[in-house]
Amino acid sequence: MDDGSEWSTDKPTALRLGRRLVAEVSASLPDRRAFVGIRPTRSAPDAQARDEGWVHSDAERSFRLEHWEYDRERIDGFDYDIDSALIESADGRGRV
């Protein structure tokens, strides 16, 4: 994707290594907070690497993107997911 924006190397590296990225985005209402998460899918090589004490890198990983909104009053507490709403989700595959 070449949209003129540039990511520092730590973000694509995190995705290659199967780590989740989350960013806060604008919410639909003032009493809500919203986040978009990119969650790389795990594979058999990831499980094997974990069992052996290392991390598997995969530039061709597939991902799950999710856009969630939460009640602003609950976001910092134990019950942050009460009244949460999944706005949209999508699966994809890309080179990172």
N, C-alpha and C. Protein backbone atom coordinates (compact mmCIF):
# COMPACT_ATOMS: atom_id res chain seq x y z
N MET A 1 0.84 -1.16 0.00
CA MET A 1 0.00 0.00 0.00
C MET A 1 0.89 1.23 0.00
N ASP A 2 0.70 2.10 -0.96
CA ASP A 2 1.49 3.30 -1.04
C ASP A 2 0.56 4.51 -1.05
N ASP A 3 0.18 4.95 0.14
CA ASP A 3 -0.74 6.07 0.25
C ASP A 3 -0.04 7.34 0.73
N GLY A 4 1.28 7.32 0.73
CA GLY A 4 2.04 8.49 1.15
C GLY A 4 2.39 8.47 2.62
N SER A 5 1.74 7.63 3.42
CA SER A 5 2.07 7.57 4.84
C SER A 5 3.20 6.56 5.03
N GLU A 6 3.95 6.75 6.08
CA GLU A 6 5.05 5.84 6.36
C GLU A 6 4.95 5.35 7.78
N TRP A 7 5.14 4.06 7.96
CA TRP A 7 5.17 3.47 9.29
C TRP A 7 6.62 3.32 9.70
N SER A 8 6.88 3.57 10.97
CA SER A 8 8.21 3.27 11.47
C SER A 8 8.38 1.75 11.42
N THR A 9 9.60 1.29 11.41
CA THR A 9 9.86 -0.15 11.22
C THR A 9 9.28 -1.02 12.33
N ASP A 10 9.02 -0.45 13.51
CA ASP A 10 8.52 -1.28 14.60
C ASP A 10 7.12 -1.81 14.35
N LYS A 11 6.28 -1.10 13.62
CA LYS A 11 4.90 -1.55 13.38
C LYS A 11 4.84 -2.75 12.42
N PRO A 12 5.43 -2.68 11.23
CA PRO A 12 5.41 -3.88 10.39
C PRO A 12 6.16 -5.05 11.02
N THR A 13 7.21 -4.76 11.77
CA THR A 13 7.94 -5.83 12.44
C THR A 13 7.04 -6.52 13.46
N ALA A 14 6.28 -5.76 14.23
CA ALA A 14 5.35 -6.34 15.19
C ALA A 14 4.34 -7.24 14.49
N LEU A 15 3.80 -6.79 13.36
CA LEU A 15 2.84 -7.60 12.61
C LEU A 15 3.48 -8.88 12.08
N ARG A 16 4.68 -8.78 11.54
CA ARG A 16 5.38 -9.97 11.04
C ARG A 16 5.59 -11.00 12.14
N LEU A 17 5.81 -10.49 13.36
CA LEU A 17 6.07 -11.37 14.50
C LEU A 17 4.79 -11.82 15.20
N GLY A 18 3.63 -11.46 14.64
CA GLY A 18 2.36 -11.93 15.18
C GLY A 18 1.85 -11.14 16.36
N ARG A 19 2.33 -9.93 16.54
CA ARG A 19 1.86 -9.09 17.64
C ARG A 19 0.72 -8.18 17.19
N ARG A 20 -0.20 -7.92 18.07
CA ARG A 20 -1.38 -7.11 17.77
C ARG A 20 -1.04 -5.62 17.85
N LEU A 21 -1.63 -4.85 16.95
CA LEU A 21 -1.52 -3.39 16.99
C LEU A 21 -2.91 -2.81 17.22
N VAL A 22 -3.00 -1.78 18.05
CA VAL A 22 -4.27 -1.12 18.32
C VAL A 22 -4.06 0.38 18.29
N ALA A 23 -5.03 1.08 17.70
CA ALA A 23 -4.98 2.55 17.65
C ALA A 23 -6.35 3.10 18.02
N GLU A 24 -6.36 4.17 18.78
CA GLU A 24 -7.63 4.82 19.10
C GLU A 24 -8.05 5.68 17.92
N VAL A 25 -9.33 5.63 17.60
CA VAL A 25 -9.90 6.40 16.49
C VAL A 25 -11.10 7.19 17.02
N SER A 26 -11.66 8.05 16.20
CA SER A 26 -12.82 8.84 16.60
C SER A 26 -14.02 7.94 16.84
N ALA A 27 -14.74 8.23 17.91
CA ALA A 27 -15.95 7.47 18.25
C ALA A 27 -17.17 8.16 17.65
N SER A 28 -18.27 7.42 17.60
CA SER A 28 -19.50 7.94 17.00
C SER A 28 -20.22 8.95 17.91
N LEU A 29 -19.98 8.85 19.23
CA LEU A 29 -20.64 9.73 20.20
C LEU A 29 -19.64 10.17 21.25
N PRO A 30 -19.88 11.32 21.90
CA PRO A 30 -18.95 11.82 22.91
C PRO A 30 -18.77 10.90 24.12
N ASP A 31 -19.78 10.09 24.44
CA ASP A 31 -19.67 9.21 25.60
C ASP A 31 -19.07 7.85 25.26
N ARG A 32 -18.47 7.73 24.08
CA ARG A 32 -17.86 6.47 23.62
C ARG A 32 -16.38 6.68 23.32
N ARG A 33 -15.63 5.60 23.33
CA ARG A 33 -14.25 5.59 22.85
C ARG A 33 -14.14 4.46 21.85
N ALA A 34 -13.37 4.65 20.80
CA ALA A 34 -13.29 3.66 19.73
C ALA A 34 -11.84 3.29 19.44
N PHE A 35 -11.66 2.04 19.03
CA PHE A 35 -10.34 1.52 18.74
C PHE A 35 -10.41 0.61 17.52
N VAL A 36 -9.33 0.61 16.74
CA VAL A 36 -9.18 -0.32 15.63
C VAL A 36 -7.97 -1.19 15.97
N GLY A 37 -8.17 -2.49 15.87
CA GLY A 37 -7.09 -3.43 16.15
C GLY A 37 -6.76 -4.26 14.94
N ILE A 38 -5.48 -4.53 14.75
CA ILE A 38 -5.02 -5.44 13.70
C ILE A 38 -4.42 -6.63 14.44
N ARG A 39 -5.06 -7.78 14.29
CA ARG A 39 -4.62 -8.98 14.98
C ARG A 39 -4.13 -10.00 13.96
N PRO A 40 -2.85 -10.27 13.91
CA PRO A 40 -2.33 -11.30 13.00
C PRO A 40 -2.83 -12.68 13.41
N THR A 41 -3.14 -13.51 12.44
CA THR A 41 -3.56 -14.87 12.75
C THR A 41 -2.34 -15.71 13.10
N ARG A 42 -2.58 -16.72 13.90
CA ARG A 42 -1.49 -17.60 14.32
C ARG A 42 -1.50 -18.86 13.47
N SER A 43 -0.32 -19.41 13.26
CA SER A 43 -0.18 -20.60 12.42
C SER A 43 0.56 -21.69 13.20
N ALA A 44 0.64 -22.86 12.61
CA ALA A 44 1.39 -23.96 13.23
C ALA A 44 2.86 -23.58 13.46
N PRO A 45 3.53 -22.90 12.50
CA PRO A 45 4.92 -22.48 12.79
C PRO A 45 5.01 -21.51 13.98
N ASP A 46 3.96 -20.69 14.19
CA ASP A 46 3.96 -19.80 15.37
C ASP A 46 3.92 -20.62 16.65
N ALA A 47 3.06 -21.63 16.69
CA ALA A 47 2.94 -22.48 17.88
C ALA A 47 4.24 -23.23 18.14
N GLN A 48 4.84 -23.75 17.09
CA GLN A 48 6.11 -24.47 17.26
C GLN A 48 7.19 -23.53 17.79
N ALA A 49 7.27 -22.34 17.21
CA ALA A 49 8.28 -21.37 17.66
C ALA A 49 8.05 -21.01 19.13
N ARG A 50 6.80 -20.77 19.52
CA ARG A 50 6.48 -20.44 20.91
C ARG A 50 6.93 -21.57 21.84
N ASP A 51 6.62 -22.82 21.46
CA ASP A 51 7.01 -23.96 22.28
C ASP A 51 8.52 -24.10 22.41
N GLU A 52 9.25 -23.64 21.39
CA GLU A 52 10.71 -23.72 21.41
C GLU A 52 11.36 -22.46 21.97
N GLY A 53 10.56 -21.46 22.34
CA GLY A 53 11.08 -20.27 22.99
C GLY A 53 11.54 -19.16 22.06
N TRP A 54 11.03 -19.13 20.83
CA TRP A 54 11.38 -18.05 19.91
C TRP A 54 10.12 -17.58 19.21
N VAL A 55 10.24 -16.59 18.35
CA VAL A 55 9.09 -16.02 17.66
C VAL A 55 9.26 -16.19 16.16
N HIS A 56 8.23 -16.71 15.52
CA HIS A 56 8.24 -16.94 14.07
C HIS A 56 7.88 -15.65 13.34
N SER A 57 8.67 -15.27 12.36
CA SER A 57 8.40 -14.10 11.53
C SER A 57 7.78 -14.55 10.21
N ASP A 58 6.71 -13.85 9.78
CA ASP A 58 6.02 -14.23 8.55
C ASP A 58 5.53 -12.97 7.85
N ALA A 59 6.15 -12.59 6.74
CA ALA A 59 5.76 -11.39 6.00
C ALA A 59 4.47 -11.58 5.23
N GLU A 60 3.96 -12.80 5.13
CA GLU A 60 2.74 -13.09 4.39
C GLU A 60 1.57 -13.46 5.31
N ARG A 61 1.60 -13.01 6.53
CA ARG A 61 0.56 -13.31 7.51
C ARG A 61 -0.80 -12.82 7.07
N SER A 62 -1.85 -13.49 7.53
CA SER A 62 -3.19 -12.96 7.35
C SER A 62 -3.58 -12.25 8.65
N PHE A 63 -4.60 -11.38 8.56
CA PHE A 63 -4.95 -10.51 9.67
C PHE A 63 -6.44 -10.46 9.88
N ARG A 64 -6.83 -10.07 11.07
CA ARG A 64 -8.21 -9.75 11.41
C ARG A 64 -8.21 -8.30 11.88
N LEU A 65 -8.98 -7.45 11.20
CA LEU A 65 -9.14 -6.06 11.60
C LEU A 65 -10.48 -5.91 12.29
N GLU A 66 -10.49 -5.23 13.42
CA GLU A 66 -11.73 -5.02 14.17
C GLU A 66 -11.81 -3.58 14.65
N HIS A 67 -13.00 -3.01 14.50
CA HIS A 67 -13.29 -1.66 14.96
C HIS A 67 -14.32 -1.79 16.08
N TRP A 68 -13.93 -1.42 17.29
CA TRP A 68 -14.78 -1.54 18.47
C TRP A 68 -15.06 -0.18 19.08
N GLU A 69 -16.24 -0.04 19.67
CA GLU A 69 -16.56 1.13 20.49
C GLU A 69 -16.94 0.67 21.89
N TYR A 70 -16.54 1.49 22.87
CA TYR A 70 -16.74 1.18 24.28
C TYR A 70 -17.37 2.37 24.99
N ASP A 71 -18.04 2.09 26.08
CA ASP A 71 -18.58 3.13 26.95
C ASP A 71 -17.40 3.84 27.62
N ARG A 72 -17.31 5.14 27.45
CA ARG A 72 -16.20 5.93 27.99
C ARG A 72 -16.03 5.75 29.49
N GLU A 73 -17.14 5.62 30.22
CA GLU A 73 -17.10 5.50 31.69
C GLU A 73 -16.52 4.15 32.14
N ARG A 74 -16.62 3.14 31.31
CA ARG A 74 -16.18 1.79 31.71
C ARG A 74 -14.80 1.40 31.17
N ILE A 75 -14.26 2.16 30.26
CA ILE A 75 -13.06 1.74 29.52
C ILE A 75 -11.86 1.43 30.42
N ASP A 76 -11.74 2.11 31.54
CA ASP A 76 -10.58 1.89 32.41
C ASP A 76 -10.83 0.85 33.49
N GLY A 77 -12.02 0.27 33.53
CA GLY A 77 -12.34 -0.67 34.59
C GLY A 77 -12.31 -2.12 34.16
N PHE A 78 -12.65 -2.97 35.10
CA PHE A 78 -12.67 -4.41 34.88
C PHE A 78 -13.74 -4.80 33.87
N ASP A 79 -14.87 -4.10 33.87
CA ASP A 79 -15.99 -4.43 33.00
C ASP A 79 -16.03 -3.55 31.75
N TYR A 80 -14.88 -3.29 31.16
CA TYR A 80 -14.79 -2.40 30.00
C TYR A 80 -15.64 -2.86 28.82
N ASP A 81 -15.92 -4.15 28.75
CA ASP A 81 -16.64 -4.67 27.58
C ASP A 81 -18.16 -4.61 27.70
N ILE A 82 -18.69 -4.20 28.85
CA ILE A 82 -20.14 -4.02 28.97
C ILE A 82 -20.54 -2.86 28.08
N ASP A 83 -21.56 -3.05 27.27
CA ASP A 83 -22.05 -2.06 26.30
C ASP A 83 -21.06 -1.78 25.18
N SER A 84 -20.09 -2.66 24.98
CA SER A 84 -19.18 -2.48 23.84
C SER A 84 -19.90 -2.90 22.57
N ALA A 85 -19.42 -2.42 21.45
CA ALA A 85 -20.04 -2.76 20.17
C ALA A 85 -18.96 -2.97 19.12
N LEU A 86 -19.04 -4.11 18.44
CA LEU A 86 -18.17 -4.35 17.29
C LEU A 86 -18.80 -3.62 16.11
N ILE A 87 -18.13 -2.60 15.62
CA ILE A 87 -18.65 -1.77 14.53
C ILE A 87 -18.46 -2.46 13.18
N GLU A 88 -17.27 -2.97 12.97
CA GLU A 88 -16.98 -3.66 11.72
C GLU A 88 -15.74 -4.53 11.89
N SER A 89 -15.68 -5.60 11.10
CA SER A 89 -14.50 -6.45 11.11
C SER A 89 -14.26 -6.98 9.71
N ALA A 90 -13.02 -7.36 9.46
CA ALA A 90 -12.67 -7.89 8.14
C ALA A 90 -11.42 -8.74 8.29
N ASP A 91 -11.32 -9.74 7.44
CA ASP A 91 -10.12 -10.57 7.36
C ASP A 91 -9.37 -10.18 6.10
N GLY A 92 -8.05 -10.25 6.19
CA GLY A 92 -7.25 -9.90 5.02
C GLY A 92 -5.92 -10.58 5.04
N ARG A 93 -5.24 -10.43 3.96
CA ARG A 93 -3.89 -10.98 3.84
C ARG A 93 -3.05 -9.93 3.14
N GLY A 94 -1.85 -9.75 3.61
CA GLY A 94 -1.01 -8.75 2.99
C GLY A 94 0.44 -8.99 3.31
N ARG A 95 1.25 -8.28 2.62
CA ARG A 95 2.70 -8.37 2.86
C ARG A 95 3.10 -7.22 3.76
N VAL A 96 3.77 -7.57 4.88
CA VAL A 96 4.26 -6.54 5.82
C VAL A 96 5.75 -6.58 5.90
